[in-house]
Protein backbone atom coordinates (compact mmCIF):
# COMPACT_ATOMS: atom_id res chain seq x y z
CA MET A 1 -0.91 -19.13 -20.67
CA THR A 2 2.44 -17.95 -19.66
CA ALA A 3 5.96 -19.58 -20.57
CA PRO A 4 7.10 -22.25 -18.04
CA LEU A 5 8.14 -21.05 -14.81
CA LYS A 6 11.49 -20.26 -14.96
CA ALA A 7 12.93 -21.42 -11.52
CA ILE A 8 16.09 -21.23 -10.35
CA ASP A 9 17.89 -24.50 -9.36
CA GLY A 10 20.36 -25.32 -6.54
CA THR A 11 23.50 -24.82 -8.27
CA ALA A 12 22.79 -21.23 -9.89
CA ASP A 13 24.71 -18.55 -8.44
CA LEU A 14 21.91 -16.63 -7.15
CA PRO A 15 23.82 -13.93 -5.44
CA ALA A 16 25.45 -13.28 -8.68
CA LEU A 17 21.92 -13.12 -10.40
CA MET A 18 20.59 -10.69 -8.27
CA THR A 19 23.60 -8.42 -7.77
CA ASP A 20 23.42 -7.88 -11.82
CA LEU A 21 19.87 -7.46 -11.38
CA ALA A 22 20.61 -4.37 -8.87
CA THR A 23 23.64 -3.37 -11.37
CA GLN A 24 21.23 -2.89 -14.42
CA ALA A 25 18.66 -1.18 -12.40
CA ARG A 26 21.25 0.91 -10.97
CA ALA A 27 22.13 2.01 -14.53
CA ALA A 28 18.43 2.16 -15.71
CA ALA A 29 18.02 4.57 -12.65
CA ARG A 30 20.50 7.28 -13.92
CA VAL A 31 18.91 7.38 -17.20
CA LEU A 32 15.36 7.82 -15.47
CA ALA A 33 16.39 10.56 -13.42
CA LEU A 34 17.44 12.55 -16.26
CA ALA A 35 14.85 11.52 -18.69
CA PRO A 36 11.92 14.21 -19.50
CA PRO A 37 8.36 14.16 -18.23
CA GLU A 38 7.14 13.69 -21.63
CA GLN A 39 9.03 10.36 -22.41
CA LYS A 40 8.39 8.82 -19.00
CA ASP A 41 4.40 9.75 -19.89
CA ARG A 42 4.91 8.16 -23.52
CA ALA A 43 6.45 4.77 -21.49
CA LEU A 44 3.11 4.90 -18.87
CA GLU A 45 0.76 5.62 -21.62
CA ALA A 46 2.26 2.32 -23.87
CA ILE A 47 1.61 0.44 -20.46
CA GLU A 48 -1.70 1.40 -20.21
CA ARG A 49 -2.31 0.04 -23.57
CA ALA A 50 -0.36 -3.21 -23.15
CA ILE A 51 -2.60 -3.98 -19.92
CA ARG A 52 -5.76 -3.60 -21.58
CA ALA A 53 -4.41 -5.42 -24.73
CA ASN A 54 -3.06 -8.49 -22.86
CA ALA A 55 -6.36 -8.70 -20.16
CA ALA A 56 -6.91 -12.13 -21.63
CA LYS A 57 -2.81 -13.12 -20.96
CA ILE A 58 -3.05 -11.76 -17.52
CA LEU A 59 -6.45 -13.08 -16.44
CA ALA A 60 -5.41 -16.62 -17.68
CA ALA A 61 -2.20 -16.35 -15.83
CA ASN A 62 -4.14 -15.49 -12.80
CA ALA A 63 -6.16 -18.55 -13.08
CA GLU A 64 -3.27 -20.90 -12.80
CA ASP A 65 -2.03 -19.05 -9.54
CA VAL A 66 -5.70 -18.99 -8.10
CA ALA A 67 -5.87 -22.83 -8.94
CA GLU A 68 -2.55 -23.53 -7.42
CA VAL A 69 -3.58 -21.60 -3.75
CA ARG A 70 -7.20 -23.15 -3.98
CA ALA A 71 -5.90 -26.81 -4.15
CA ALA A 72 -3.26 -25.69 -1.73
CA GLY A 73 -6.13 -25.14 0.85
CA ALA A 74 -5.83 -21.04 0.94
CA THR A 75 -8.42 -19.30 2.51
CA SER A 76 -11.31 -17.31 0.77
CA ALA A 77 -9.95 -13.74 2.04
CA PHE A 78 -6.13 -14.91 0.66
CA ILE A 79 -7.97 -16.00 -2.57
CA ASP A 80 -9.51 -12.84 -3.06
CA ARG A 81 -6.39 -10.87 -2.58
CA LEU A 82 -4.66 -12.82 -5.24
CA THR A 83 -7.81 -12.95 -7.78
CA LEU A 84 -7.65 -10.70 -10.70
CA THR A 85 -11.16 -9.86 -12.66
CA PRO A 86 -11.80 -7.86 -15.81
CA GLY A 87 -12.69 -4.77 -13.29
CA ARG A 88 -9.69 -5.02 -11.25
CA ILE A 89 -7.29 -5.00 -14.61
CA ASP A 90 -9.54 -2.23 -15.55
CA SER A 91 -8.77 -0.22 -12.93
CA MET A 92 -5.38 -1.38 -12.93
CA ALA A 93 -4.82 0.34 -16.44
CA ASP A 94 -7.15 3.26 -15.29
CA GLY A 95 -4.54 3.93 -12.21
CA VAL A 96 -1.86 3.59 -14.99
CA ALA A 97 -3.50 6.53 -16.78
CA THR A 98 -3.83 8.77 -13.33
CA VAL A 99 -0.51 8.37 -12.87
CA ARG A 100 0.18 9.91 -16.33
CA GLY A 101 -1.91 12.65 -15.64
CA ILE A 102 -0.39 13.81 -11.89
CA PRO A 103 2.47 16.22 -12.70
CA ASP A 104 5.84 14.88 -12.69
CA PRO A 105 7.67 15.65 -9.22
CA VAL A 106 11.07 15.43 -10.71
CA GLY A 107 12.52 18.75 -10.44
CA THR A 108 9.96 20.69 -8.78
CA VAL A 109 11.24 23.39 -6.64
CA THR A 110 9.47 22.90 -3.26
CA GLU A 111 11.16 26.34 -1.64
CA SER A 112 13.13 28.84 -2.62
CA TRP A 113 15.07 31.57 -0.89
CA GLN A 114 17.61 34.28 -0.71
CA ARG A 115 19.89 34.89 1.29
CA PRO A 116 21.70 38.25 2.99
CA ASN A 117 24.91 37.83 0.86
CA GLY A 118 22.82 37.33 -2.54
CA MET A 119 22.58 33.41 -3.00
CA THR A 120 20.00 32.02 -3.87
CA ILE A 121 19.07 28.46 -2.47
CA GLU A 122 16.42 26.11 -3.86
CA ARG A 123 15.17 22.56 -2.57
CA VAL A 124 14.28 20.65 -5.73
CA ARG A 125 12.71 17.08 -5.65
CA VAL A 126 14.81 14.13 -6.85
CA PRO A 127 14.55 10.54 -7.43
CA LEU A 128 15.60 7.83 -4.55
CA GLY A 129 17.69 5.60 -7.26
CA VAL A 130 16.41 2.00 -6.91
CA ILE A 131 13.91 0.91 -5.06
CA GLY A 132 13.36 -2.69 -3.86
CA VAL A 133 9.55 -3.82 -3.66
CA ILE A 134 8.91 -6.83 -1.58
CA PHE A 135 5.24 -8.16 -1.74
CA GLU A 136 2.97 -10.91 -1.19
CA SER A 137 -0.43 -11.84 -2.96
CA ARG A 138 -1.65 -8.98 -4.48
CA PRO A 139 -0.61 -9.03 -8.03
CA ASN A 140 -1.96 -5.62 -9.10
CA VAL A 141 1.23 -4.19 -6.69
CA ALA A 142 3.58 -5.36 -9.62
CA ALA A 143 2.02 -2.55 -11.54
CA ASP A 144 1.38 -0.25 -9.10
CA ALA A 145 4.66 -0.19 -7.66
CA GLY A 146 6.29 -0.57 -11.50
CA VAL A 147 4.51 2.76 -13.00
CA LEU A 148 5.00 4.93 -9.69
CA CYS A 149 8.67 4.36 -9.57
CA LEU A 150 8.93 5.38 -13.24
CA LYS A 151 6.82 8.67 -12.76
CA ALA A 152 9.40 9.54 -10.00
CA GLY A 153 12.20 8.73 -11.92
CA ASN A 154 13.13 5.67 -9.97
CA ALA A 155 14.32 1.97 -11.26
CA VAL A 156 12.32 -0.65 -9.44
CA ILE A 157 13.19 -4.35 -8.54
CA LEU A 158 9.70 -6.18 -7.75
CA ARG A 159 9.80 -9.33 -5.83
CA GLY A 160 6.21 -11.18 -5.74
CA GLY A 161 4.98 -13.79 -3.72
CA SER A 162 5.35 -17.16 -5.10
CA ASP A 163 1.73 -17.56 -5.22
CA SER A 164 1.41 -14.70 -7.63
CA PHE A 165 4.21 -15.43 -9.89
CA ARG A 166 2.86 -16.32 -13.04
CA SER A 167 0.22 -13.29 -12.70
CA CYS A 168 2.82 -10.98 -11.89
CA ARG A 169 5.10 -12.50 -15.13
CA ALA A 170 2.22 -11.57 -16.81
CA ILE A 171 1.81 -8.00 -15.44
CA HIS A 172 5.56 -7.31 -15.79
CA ASP A 173 5.60 -8.24 -19.57
CA CYS A 174 3.23 -5.19 -20.16
CA LEU A 175 5.13 -2.96 -18.15
CA VAL A 176 8.71 -3.95 -19.99
CA GLN A 177 6.61 -3.36 -23.57
CA GLY A 178 5.88 -0.15 -22.50
CA LEU A 179 9.41 0.93 -21.51
CA ARG A 180 10.45 -0.54 -24.63
CA GLU A 181 8.07 1.41 -26.82
CA ALA A 182 9.53 4.76 -25.04
CA GLY A 183 12.76 4.07 -25.22
CA LEU A 184 13.83 3.57 -21.97
CA PRO A 185 15.85 0.50 -20.28
CA GLU A 186 13.56 -2.22 -19.76
CA ALA A 187 16.14 -2.60 -16.60
CA ALA A 188 14.08 0.20 -15.27
CA ILE A 189 11.34 -2.16 -13.97
CA THR A 190 12.88 -5.48 -13.09
CA LEU A 191 10.87 -8.87 -11.66
CA VAL A 192 13.00 -10.87 -9.98
CA PRO A 193 12.74 -14.27 -11.90
CA THR A 194 12.45 -17.05 -9.38
CA ARG A 195 10.41 -18.32 -6.36
CA ASP A 196 13.39 -18.85 -4.29
CA ARG A 197 12.83 -16.95 -0.79
CA ALA A 198 16.52 -16.62 -0.65
CA ALA A 199 16.01 -13.75 -3.12
CA VAL A 200 14.22 -11.51 -0.49
CA GLY A 201 17.32 -11.81 2.17
CA LEU A 202 19.60 -10.84 -0.58
CA MET A 203 17.72 -7.53 -1.22
CA LEU A 204 17.48 -7.04 2.18
CA GLY A 205 21.18 -6.89 2.31
CA GLY A 206 21.17 -4.10 -0.05
CA LEU A 207 22.69 -6.24 -3.09
CA GLY A 208 26.00 -4.48 -2.26
CA GLY A 209 25.22 -1.30 -2.45
CA GLY A 210 22.50 -1.96 -5.28
CA ILE A 211 19.28 -0.41 -3.71
CA ASP A 212 18.32 2.56 -1.65
CA VAL A 213 15.04 1.65 -0.03
CA ILE A 214 13.09 -1.31 0.63
CA VAL A 215 9.16 -1.11 0.69
CA PRO A 216 7.22 -3.86 2.07
CA ARG A 217 3.95 -4.98 1.37
CA GLY A 218 2.55 -8.14 2.98
CA GLY A 219 1.30 -9.15 5.86
CA LYS A 220 2.91 -9.06 9.42
CA SER A 221 5.74 -11.79 9.61
CA LEU A 222 6.90 -10.16 6.05
CA VAL A 223 7.33 -6.75 7.70
CA ALA A 224 8.45 -8.01 10.67
CA ARG A 225 11.19 -9.97 8.58
CA VAL A 226 12.17 -7.03 6.54
CA GLU A 227 12.17 -4.50 9.49
CA ALA A 228 14.78 -7.05 11.26
CA GLU A 229 16.88 -7.86 8.42
CA ALA A 230 17.07 -4.95 6.18
CA ARG A 231 20.60 -3.21 5.82
CA VAL A 232 18.71 -0.38 3.82
CA PRO A 233 15.73 2.01 4.69
CA VAL A 234 12.37 0.71 4.90
CA PHE A 235 9.18 2.31 4.22
CA ALA A 236 7.28 0.62 7.06
CA HIS A 237 4.07 -0.87 6.02
CA LEU A 238 2.50 -2.36 9.22
CA GLU A 239 -0.66 -4.52 9.74
CA GLY A 240 -3.81 -2.44 9.37
CA VAL A 241 -5.51 -3.09 13.09
CA ASN A 242 -8.24 -0.51 11.97
CA HIS A 243 -10.99 1.22 14.09
CA VAL A 244 -14.33 2.83 13.45
CA TYR A 245 -15.57 4.83 16.21
CA VAL A 246 -19.47 5.65 16.25
CA ASP A 247 -19.90 8.78 18.39
CA ARG A 248 -22.89 9.19 20.34
CA SER A 249 -23.86 11.91 17.77
CA ALA A 250 -23.63 9.61 14.87
CA ASN A 251 -26.39 9.40 12.64
CA LEU A 252 -27.49 5.72 12.80
CA GLU A 253 -27.62 4.93 8.92
CA MET A 254 -24.80 6.75 8.03
CA ALA A 255 -22.87 4.89 11.12
CA LYS A 256 -24.45 1.80 9.65
CA SER A 257 -23.17 2.42 6.07
CA ILE A 258 -19.89 3.52 6.80
CA VAL A 259 -19.19 0.21 8.98
CA LEU A 260 -20.91 -1.90 6.56
CA ASN A 261 -18.79 -0.64 3.77
CA ALA A 262 -15.21 -0.78 6.03
CA LYS A 263 -15.63 -4.09 7.00
CA MET A 264 -17.19 -5.65 4.09
CA ARG A 265 -16.52 -4.45 0.67
CA ARG A 266 -13.18 -5.97 0.75
CA THR A 267 -12.32 -7.68 4.13
CA GLY A 268 -8.86 -8.84 2.58
CA VAL A 269 -7.17 -5.17 2.07
CA CYS A 270 -5.26 -3.42 4.47
CA GLY A 271 -7.84 -0.48 4.57
CA ALA A 272 -10.67 -2.84 6.10
CA ALA A 273 -11.78 -1.90 9.44
CA GLU A 274 -10.98 -4.80 11.97
CA THR A 275 -12.36 -2.97 15.04
CA LEU A 276 -15.67 -1.46 16.00
CA LEU A 277 -16.12 1.40 19.08
CA VAL A 278 -19.73 2.41 19.98
CA ASP A 279 -20.14 5.10 22.35
CA ARG A 280 -22.07 3.72 25.78
CA ALA A 281 -24.09 7.09 25.59
CA ALA A 282 -25.57 5.64 22.55
CA ALA A 283 -25.26 2.15 22.97
CA ALA A 284 -29.05 1.53 23.64
CA THR A 285 -29.80 2.63 20.05
CA ASN A 286 -27.19 2.36 18.04
CA LEU A 287 -25.27 -1.45 19.23
CA LYS A 288 -27.77 -3.66 18.09
CA PRO A 289 -28.63 -2.13 14.54
CA LEU A 290 -24.82 -2.17 14.26
CA VAL A 291 -24.23 -5.95 15.37
CA GLU A 292 -27.11 -7.09 13.40
CA MET A 293 -26.27 -5.72 10.39
CA LEU A 294 -22.58 -7.42 10.59
CA ILE A 295 -24.16 -10.56 11.46
CA GLU A 296 -26.63 -10.51 8.70
CA ALA A 297 -24.04 -9.29 6.33
CA GLY A 298 -21.95 -12.74 7.07
CA CYS A 299 -19.49 -10.90 9.44
CA GLU A 300 -18.67 -12.75 12.74
CA VAL A 301 -18.51 -10.48 15.41
CA ARG A 302 -16.60 -11.32 18.79
CA GLY A 303 -17.57 -8.74 21.24
CA ASP A 304 -17.02 -7.73 24.90
CA ALA A 305 -19.79 -8.05 27.80
CA ALA A 306 -22.18 -5.26 26.42
CA VAL A 307 -21.90 -6.40 22.77
CA GLN A 308 -22.75 -9.89 23.54
CA LYS A 309 -25.60 -8.75 25.49
CA VAL A 310 -27.45 -7.18 22.50
CA ASP A 311 -27.19 -10.49 20.18
CA ALA A 312 -26.51 -13.95 21.23
CA ARG A 313 -24.79 -14.73 18.01
CA VAL A 314 -22.06 -12.57 19.18
CA LYS A 315 -18.77 -14.44 20.64
CA PRO A 316 -16.75 -13.72 23.33
CA ALA A 317 -13.62 -11.57 22.53
CA THR A 318 -10.14 -12.50 23.70
CA ASP A 319 -7.58 -10.19 24.62
CA GLU A 320 -5.85 -11.23 21.32
CA ASP A 321 -8.87 -9.82 19.07
CA TRP A 322 -8.14 -6.06 20.03
CA ASP A 323 -4.88 -6.45 18.22
CA THR A 324 -5.55 -8.71 15.37
CA GLU A 325 -6.03 -8.29 11.83
CA TYR A 326 -8.23 -10.50 10.23
CA LEU A 327 -8.24 -9.89 7.01
CA ASP A 328 -11.51 -11.74 6.78
CA ALA A 329 -15.14 -11.59 7.71
CA VAL A 330 -14.67 -10.94 11.38
CA ILE A 331 -14.49 -7.92 13.18
CA ALA A 332 -13.57 -6.87 17.06
CA ALA A 333 -16.33 -4.77 18.96
CA ARG A 334 -16.54 -3.11 22.10
CA VAL A 335 -18.43 -0.24 23.71
CA VAL A 336 -16.09 2.95 24.70
CA ASP A 337 -16.96 5.73 27.32
CA GLY A 338 -16.94 8.40 24.73
CA VAL A 339 -14.35 9.62 22.31
CA ASP A 340 -11.84 9.95 24.89
CA ASP A 341 -11.91 6.28 25.36
CA ALA A 342 -12.20 5.37 21.94
CA ILE A 343 -8.59 7.46 21.21
CA ALA A 344 -7.39 5.40 24.65
CA HIS A 345 -8.35 1.92 22.97
CA ILE A 346 -6.77 3.06 19.76
CA HIS A 347 -3.59 4.41 21.25
CA ASP A 348 -3.20 0.84 22.67
CA HIS A 349 -4.19 -1.51 20.39
CA GLY A 350 -3.85 0.56 16.62
CA SER A 351 -1.31 -0.01 13.94
CA HIS A 352 -1.49 3.92 13.15
CA HIS A 353 -2.64 3.01 9.89
CA THR A 354 -6.26 4.00 9.09
CA ASP A 355 -8.87 4.84 11.96
CA ALA A 356 -12.32 6.94 11.37
CA ILE A 357 -15.14 8.48 13.61
CA VAL A 358 -18.61 8.77 12.39
CA ALA A 359 -19.89 11.74 14.22
CA GLU A 360 -22.49 14.85 13.65
CA ASP A 361 -20.50 16.53 16.70
CA ILE A 362 -17.57 18.68 14.84
CA LYS A 363 -16.05 19.34 18.49
CA ALA A 364 -15.50 15.36 18.95
CA ALA A 365 -14.58 14.87 15.54
CA GLU A 366 -11.84 17.24 15.61
CA LYS A 367 -10.41 16.07 18.83
CA PHE A 368 -10.26 12.47 17.16
CA LEU A 369 -8.56 13.89 14.03
CA SER A 370 -6.15 15.40 16.53
CA GLU A 371 -5.23 13.30 18.75
CA VAL A 372 -5.62 9.70 16.55
CA ASP A 373 -1.55 9.01 15.95
CA SER A 374 -2.48 6.88 12.64
CA ALA A 375 -1.51 7.95 9.01
CA ILE A 376 -4.77 8.52 7.73
CA VAL A 377 -7.94 9.68 10.24
CA LEU A 378 -11.29 9.79 8.57
CA HIS A 379 -14.40 11.60 9.69
CA ASN A 380 -17.69 10.34 8.43
CA ALA A 381 -16.17 8.09 5.78
CA SER A 382 -15.13 4.40 5.22
CA THR A 383 -11.87 3.08 6.12
CA GLN A 384 -11.84 1.84 2.67
CA PHE A 385 -10.61 5.01 1.27
CA ALA A 386 -7.28 4.16 2.54
CA ASP A 387 -5.85 4.04 -0.76
CA GLY A 388 -3.60 5.55 -3.14
CA GLY A 389 -5.91 5.52 -6.10
CA GLU A 390 -8.80 7.02 -3.73
CA PHE A 391 -6.44 9.80 -2.73
CA GLY A 392 -6.01 11.15 -6.02
CA PHE A 393 -2.39 9.19 -6.53
CA GLY A 394 -3.22 6.84 -8.98
CA ALA A 395 -2.02 4.25 -7.35
CA GLU A 396 0.06 3.61 -4.59
CA ILE A 397 3.31 1.61 -3.51
CA GLY A 398 2.06 0.73 -0.12
CA ILE A 399 0.37 2.77 3.28
CA ALA A 400 3.44 3.96 5.11
CA THR A 401 2.87 3.67 8.95
CA GLY A 402 5.74 5.10 10.00
CA LYS A 403 7.31 8.96 10.64
CA PHE A 404 10.35 9.16 8.53
CA HIS A 405 10.23 10.59 5.20
CA ALA A 406 6.71 8.93 3.57
CA ARG A 407 3.67 8.44 5.87
CA GLY A 408 -0.09 7.62 4.41
CA PRO A 409 -0.47 6.53 0.65
CA VAL A 410 2.95 6.38 -0.90
CA GLY A 411 2.33 7.92 -4.53
CA ALA A 412 4.88 9.36 -6.68
CA GLU A 413 5.59 12.54 -4.69
CA GLN A 414 6.78 10.47 -1.99
CA LEU A 415 8.95 8.38 -4.02
CA THR A 416 11.16 11.31 -4.31
CA SER A 417 13.77 12.93 -2.04
CA PHE A 418 15.70 16.27 -2.43
CA LYS A 419 18.37 18.26 -3.10
CA TYR A 420 19.60 21.90 -2.62
CA ARG A 421 20.75 24.11 -5.77
CA VAL A 422 22.62 27.00 -5.02
CA HIS A 423 22.93 29.63 -7.35
CA GLY A 424 25.53 32.49 -6.47
CA THR A 425 27.44 35.32 -8.00
CA GLY A 426 31.32 34.77 -6.75
CA GLN A 427 30.45 34.80 -3.11
CA THR A 428 32.97 33.25 -1.00
CA ARG A 429 32.80 32.40 3.13
CA PRO A 430 34.34 34.92 5.12
C-alpha cells in the first residue's frame, strides 16, 4: 500500500510549489541534455527492474484507485483505462526495455552540407527542455512519458488524473529509483504531488517560462481546455474518432477480423474504431455479417437506414453519432458509395487520428492512404495499432493529431528539436 496521500491544503502556496518544481526540472534538464547515452540507458535499465520488482506495490495502489472510482459510479470503459494488471505492468516494463534499446536521438546529425565558401553546416537533434504532460485515467502514461522524455534528454513534469493518483505515485517511485541509481537528478521526472486541479492551470501558464511544451493525454474536455488556456506550445492530441472502411474488394473474413479487433480489443483506447463504413457495392454480402458479428460480441451498433434494415437490433444513428468518440462498446455504421464517399465522410467527421481501409484493390487502398488526412492511415490492419509500442518506439507520450513538429505516435525522436552547427575556417561575410 502506498503512503497516505499528500494533499495540498487551502493555505498552501500552490503557485510557489509549482514554480519550485519547474525550477528544479529546468536545472535537471540542463544535466540531462549533456548526459551520455550510457548513463541514460543505465537509468532506464534500473527503472525496468524497479517496475518488475515493485509490481505488487503498483497493483495494490491501483486497486485502491479502482475501488474509489467504482464506488463513485465510473463506467466500465473508464475503469478499464484505469486498471493495471500483471500483464499490463509487464508490458510497461517491456516498453522501458524497448526505449532503452532504440538509438539515442540526442546529438544525431540529420543533415550535413558544405557551402561554396567552405563552411560546413550540420542540423543536429537536441532536447526540447522541460515537458509538461497532463493526462487522465491511464497510469501507464506516467512510465511511458517519463522514460521517453529521459531518453530524449528532457525533464518532465507529470500531472496525472486525480483518479489514478495512487497508481502514478507508485510508478513514479520506480522512475525516481532508476534516476537515483544512475546518478541523474531526481527532478528529471517530477510528479505533481497534489490532486488540486489548480495545478493544471498553473502548468498551462508555463510556470514563468519553466515549461517548454505541454502534452495533453485525455478526453475531449481536457484537450479543449489545454488548447484554450496554454501559454506554451502544445502537442495536440484530439479525440480518436477513427474509421474502418470496408471496400467492395475486401476479403470478408479479413474485414470481420479487423473490424472486431479495431472496435472490441480495447474499447477505451484512443485507437479504437468508432465508425464502420461499408461500400454499398458489396453491402449485400458484407454488411449483415459485420453487423451481426459486432452485436454478438456485445457491441451496440447505431446505423443509418441501410444498416438498420439488416438487423432489427441496430439502433438509429443520430447526427451526433458520426462525430462521437465512444470509448465504449458502441459503434456507428453507415453505407457509403465507394472509396470517394468514405474519404468524404472521414473528412467531414474524423479527428485526423487513425483511419483504416480493408481492400484487395490496391488502387482503392492507395487513394485512401493518399487522401485521408489523418496522422495514421492503415491498409488491411486494425486501427488498434495506433500505438507507439507497435511502431517500435517502445512507448508513446501521445498521438499528435496536429501538423506542427510531431504527428502520430510521439516517441523519443519526436521529443527533440534541432539546432544548426556551423564549422568554418575563418570565413567572414562580405
